[in-house]
Each structure stands twice: as structure tokens, then as C-alpha cells.
Amino acid sequence: MVALQAPVSDREGAMQQEGYTENIASAEKMVQDGKGQEMVPRSYFWAPITAKRFVDLFSIGGVDDYFSSDYTDDELAQRLQHVGTHPNLHTALVAFSGSDEYIPSHVDRKLLSKRLVDAMNTLCIKDGNNSKNVAELLYLESGNHNLSKGPTDAKIFVDRISEILNQIN
């Protein structure tokens, strides 16, 4: 069992910040110049981070750019379809927060959450005529990023995990 609580695009959040274009270009140049393990200036990000890690998180198609809403369905599937191929994975719970402050306001959150789950289920293991989807959506309408604001969001999340674990045992 895997639980993804509040999967968000680091890149889409970073793209809203002033200086994004210049910062990503500078970090990409550092990587190209063999300086990927050097730190980027602190003005680029709130925490110390290497140029390579900055590029991996914040560039379009970066190694860790998984949950971006501007990907096509095919691009999302390429990034996430491996979830459904693990032979021992019972469930991948995708707990998506409808009021996540790190998701840009223009993004249709319900649609994105469904697209992510569908992408994860692209290659689900088939058993004869039966196929079992591995990824399951738990949409928390009022949930913020860390489930700290809604009065019952954290409880709903924990209760669903408990239910899944009880099914496995």
C-alpha cells in the first residue's frame, strides 16, 4: 500500500515566482557546465539546493516533474504508468486536496486528480479478463496541502488508509 498525500507539481508552483525563467536558465547552464552539484543562490529557493536538484524539480520534464497539470494525458501516463505494474502493490491511494495552496488557481483540481489516477492505472496488471486498478482517488474537497485546516480531512485520510490496510490483512 502506498499513500500519496497532496501530490503537487513543484514546477507549476515555482513558475509563479518572480525570476523563474532566469533562475531555471542559470541552473540549467550550471548543470551543462559540469557544476550540477554546486549550490544555486539562496534567492532561487527557500532552502539550500544544488543546480541539478533545482533543474530536476523545476524544469519542464525534469526528473521529478510528475504531477504537472500542463502535461497531456500521454505525458502523464509516461511518467506515472509504472505504478500499476508493481506485482505486490495492493493500492496506491491518491489523496488529493481540493484547496491545496500549492496548486495554481487556474488548475481544475478535480480533473487533474482524475487524470493522475487514470495515468497511474494505464498499465495495471491484467488477470485474464479481469483488471484491477491499483490507484484509487480520495478527493478531499476542503483539504489544504497538509490537511491542517479542514476539521475532518486528516481523519478521513487516516480512516481510508486503515480500511485499505484491513483489506490487505
Protein backbone atom coordinates (compact mmCIF):
# COMPACT_ATOMS: atom_id res chain seq x y z
CA MET A 1 0.00 0.00 0.00
CA VAL A 2 1.24 3.46 -0.93
CA ALA A 3 -0.38 6.75 0.02
CA LEU A 4 0.35 9.90 -1.96
CA GLN A 5 -0.98 12.72 0.17
CA ALA A 6 -1.26 16.03 -1.71
CA PRO A 7 0.65 15.24 -4.92
CA VAL A 8 1.50 18.62 -6.45
CA SER A 9 3.74 19.99 -9.17
CA ASP A 10 6.78 21.71 -7.72
CA ARG A 11 7.40 23.20 -11.17
CA GLU A 12 3.99 24.83 -11.53
CA GLY A 13 4.39 26.45 -8.13
CA ALA A 14 7.88 27.69 -8.99
CA MET A 15 6.71 29.09 -12.32
CA GLN A 16 4.53 31.55 -10.40
CA GLN A 17 7.59 33.04 -8.68
CA GLU A 18 9.36 36.15 -9.91
CA GLY A 19 12.62 35.31 -11.68
CA TYR A 20 11.65 31.71 -12.52
CA THR A 21 12.76 31.88 -16.18
CA GLU A 22 16.14 33.39 -15.34
CA ASN A 23 16.71 31.05 -12.38
CA ILE A 24 15.95 27.86 -14.30
CA ALA A 25 18.13 29.01 -17.24
CA SER A 26 21.01 29.73 -14.86
CA ALA A 27 20.67 26.37 -13.08
CA GLU A 28 20.48 24.51 -16.42
CA LYS A 29 23.66 26.26 -17.56
CA MET A 30 25.40 25.25 -14.33
CA VAL A 31 24.45 21.62 -14.99
CA GLN A 32 25.63 21.85 -18.62
CA ASP A 33 28.93 23.34 -17.42
CA GLY A 34 29.53 20.39 -15.09
CA LYS A 35 28.57 22.35 -11.97
CA GLY A 36 25.37 20.48 -11.18
CA GLN A 37 26.47 19.63 -7.64
CA GLU A 38 27.13 23.28 -6.78
CA MET A 39 24.54 25.26 -4.87
CA VAL A 40 22.35 27.79 -6.64
CA PRO A 41 21.98 31.21 -4.99
CA ARG A 42 19.61 31.24 -1.99
CA SER A 43 17.43 33.75 -3.83
CA TYR A 44 16.35 30.89 -6.16
CA PHE A 45 14.75 28.74 -3.45
CA TRP A 46 13.97 28.95 0.26
CA ALA A 47 16.35 26.08 1.13
CA PRO A 48 19.88 25.22 0.03
CA ILE A 49 19.68 23.24 -3.23
CA THR A 50 22.10 22.11 -5.92
CA ALA A 51 21.71 23.19 -9.52
CA LYS A 52 20.92 19.61 -10.60
CA ARG A 53 18.23 19.17 -7.96
CA PHE A 54 16.77 22.57 -8.86
CA VAL A 55 16.54 21.52 -12.52
CA ASP A 56 15.12 18.09 -11.61
CA LEU A 57 12.32 19.68 -9.59
CA PHE A 58 11.54 22.84 -11.51
CA SER A 59 12.27 22.38 -15.22
CA ILE A 60 9.63 21.24 -17.69
CA GLY A 61 10.09 17.49 -17.97
CA GLY A 62 12.56 17.45 -15.06
CA VAL A 63 13.34 14.11 -13.45
CA ASP A 64 10.96 14.89 -10.57
CA ASP A 65 8.27 16.76 -12.52
CA TYR A 66 5.48 14.20 -12.09
CA PHE A 67 2.19 15.91 -11.28
CA SER A 68 2.05 18.94 -13.59
CA SER A 69 -1.38 19.85 -14.95
CA ASP A 70 0.00 21.03 -18.29
CA TYR A 71 1.12 17.55 -19.31
CA THR A 72 -1.01 15.74 -21.87
CA ASP A 73 -2.68 12.51 -20.79
CA ASP A 74 0.01 10.59 -22.69
CA GLU A 75 2.80 12.51 -20.94
CA LEU A 76 1.23 11.84 -17.54
CA ALA A 77 0.93 8.16 -18.42
CA GLN A 78 4.60 8.02 -19.41
CA ARG A 79 5.54 9.48 -16.01
CA LEU A 80 3.09 7.54 -13.82
CA GLN A 81 2.05 4.28 -15.51
CA HIS A 82 4.72 2.27 -13.69
CA VAL A 83 2.57 2.48 -10.54
CA GLY A 84 0.13 -0.08 -11.94
CA THR A 85 2.80 -2.60 -12.89
CA HIS A 86 4.14 -3.46 -9.45
CA PRO A 87 3.03 -7.05 -8.75
CA ASN A 88 2.83 -6.63 -4.97
CA LEU A 89 1.14 -3.25 -4.80
CA HIS A 90 -2.40 -3.61 -3.48
CA THR A 91 -3.44 0.05 -3.57
CA ALA A 92 -1.93 3.43 -4.33
CA LEU A 93 -4.16 5.90 -2.52
CA VAL A 94 -4.02 9.32 -4.17
CA ALA A 95 -5.30 11.76 -1.54
CA PHE A 96 -5.84 14.98 -3.44
CA SER A 97 -6.56 18.21 -1.58
CA GLY A 98 -9.16 20.35 -3.32
CA SER A 99 -7.97 23.51 -1.58
CA ASP A 100 -4.24 22.85 -1.80
CA GLU A 101 -2.49 26.21 -1.62
CA TYR A 102 0.42 24.95 -3.76
CA ILE A 103 -1.73 24.28 -6.83
CA PRO A 104 -2.15 27.30 -9.13
CA SER A 105 -5.67 28.72 -9.04
CA HIS A 106 -6.24 28.17 -12.79
CA VAL A 107 -5.92 24.37 -12.43
CA ASP A 108 -9.11 22.28 -12.43
CA ARG A 109 -8.25 20.22 -9.35
CA LYS A 110 -10.94 17.56 -9.75
CA LEU A 111 -9.95 16.98 -13.36
CA LEU A 112 -6.24 16.85 -12.54
CA SER A 113 -6.77 14.37 -9.71
CA LYS A 114 -8.73 12.07 -12.03
CA ARG A 115 -6.07 12.39 -14.74
CA LEU A 116 -3.32 11.44 -12.28
CA VAL A 117 -5.19 8.33 -11.12
CA ASP A 118 -6.01 7.33 -14.70
CA ALA A 119 -2.35 7.71 -15.67
CA MET A 120 -1.26 5.50 -12.77
CA ASN A 121 -3.77 2.85 -13.85
CA THR A 122 -2.66 2.85 -17.51
CA LEU A 123 -0.68 -0.39 -17.28
CA CYS A 124 -2.44 -2.15 -14.43
CA ILE A 125 -1.67 -5.84 -14.36
CA LYS A 126 -4.29 -7.86 -16.17
CA ASP A 127 -5.52 -11.19 -14.81
CA GLY A 128 -7.39 -12.96 -17.58
CA ASN A 129 -10.46 -10.89 -18.36
CA ASN A 130 -10.14 -9.02 -15.08
CA SER A 131 -8.02 -6.00 -14.46
CA LYS A 132 -7.60 -4.34 -11.11
CA ASN A 133 -6.90 -0.67 -10.94
CA VAL A 134 -4.21 -0.01 -8.36
CA ALA A 135 -4.55 3.76 -7.99
CA GLU A 136 -7.57 4.98 -6.06
CA LEU A 137 -8.62 8.60 -5.61
CA LEU A 138 -9.57 10.16 -2.29
CA TYR A 139 -10.63 13.72 -3.10
CA LEU A 140 -10.73 15.98 -0.05
CA GLU A 141 -12.70 18.99 -1.25
CA SER A 142 -11.71 21.38 1.52
CA GLY A 143 -8.29 19.88 2.22
CA ASN A 144 -5.24 22.10 2.17
CA HIS A 145 -1.73 20.81 1.45
CA ASN A 146 -1.03 19.29 4.87
CA LEU A 147 -4.67 18.60 5.85
CA SER A 148 -4.44 21.01 8.77
CA LYS A 149 -7.42 23.29 8.07
CA GLY A 150 -10.46 21.13 7.40
CA PRO A 151 -11.96 19.76 10.62
CA THR A 152 -12.19 16.16 9.37
CA ASP A 153 -9.82 15.91 6.37
CA ALA A 154 -6.93 14.30 8.26
CA LYS A 155 -9.31 11.83 9.93
CA ILE A 156 -10.89 10.87 6.60
CA PHE A 157 -7.42 10.30 5.16
CA VAL A 158 -6.24 8.15 8.08
CA ASP A 159 -9.52 6.21 8.18
CA ARG A 160 -9.24 5.35 4.49
CA ILE A 161 -5.67 4.12 4.96
CA SER A 162 -6.86 1.97 7.88
CA GLU A 163 -9.64 0.49 5.72
CA ILE A 164 -7.19 -0.39 2.96
CA LEU A 165 -4.72 -1.95 5.39
CA ASN A 166 -7.52 -4.02 6.94
CA GLN A 167 -8.46 -5.30 3.47
CA ILE A 168 -4.87 -6.39 2.87
CA ASN A 169 -4.69 -8.33 6.15
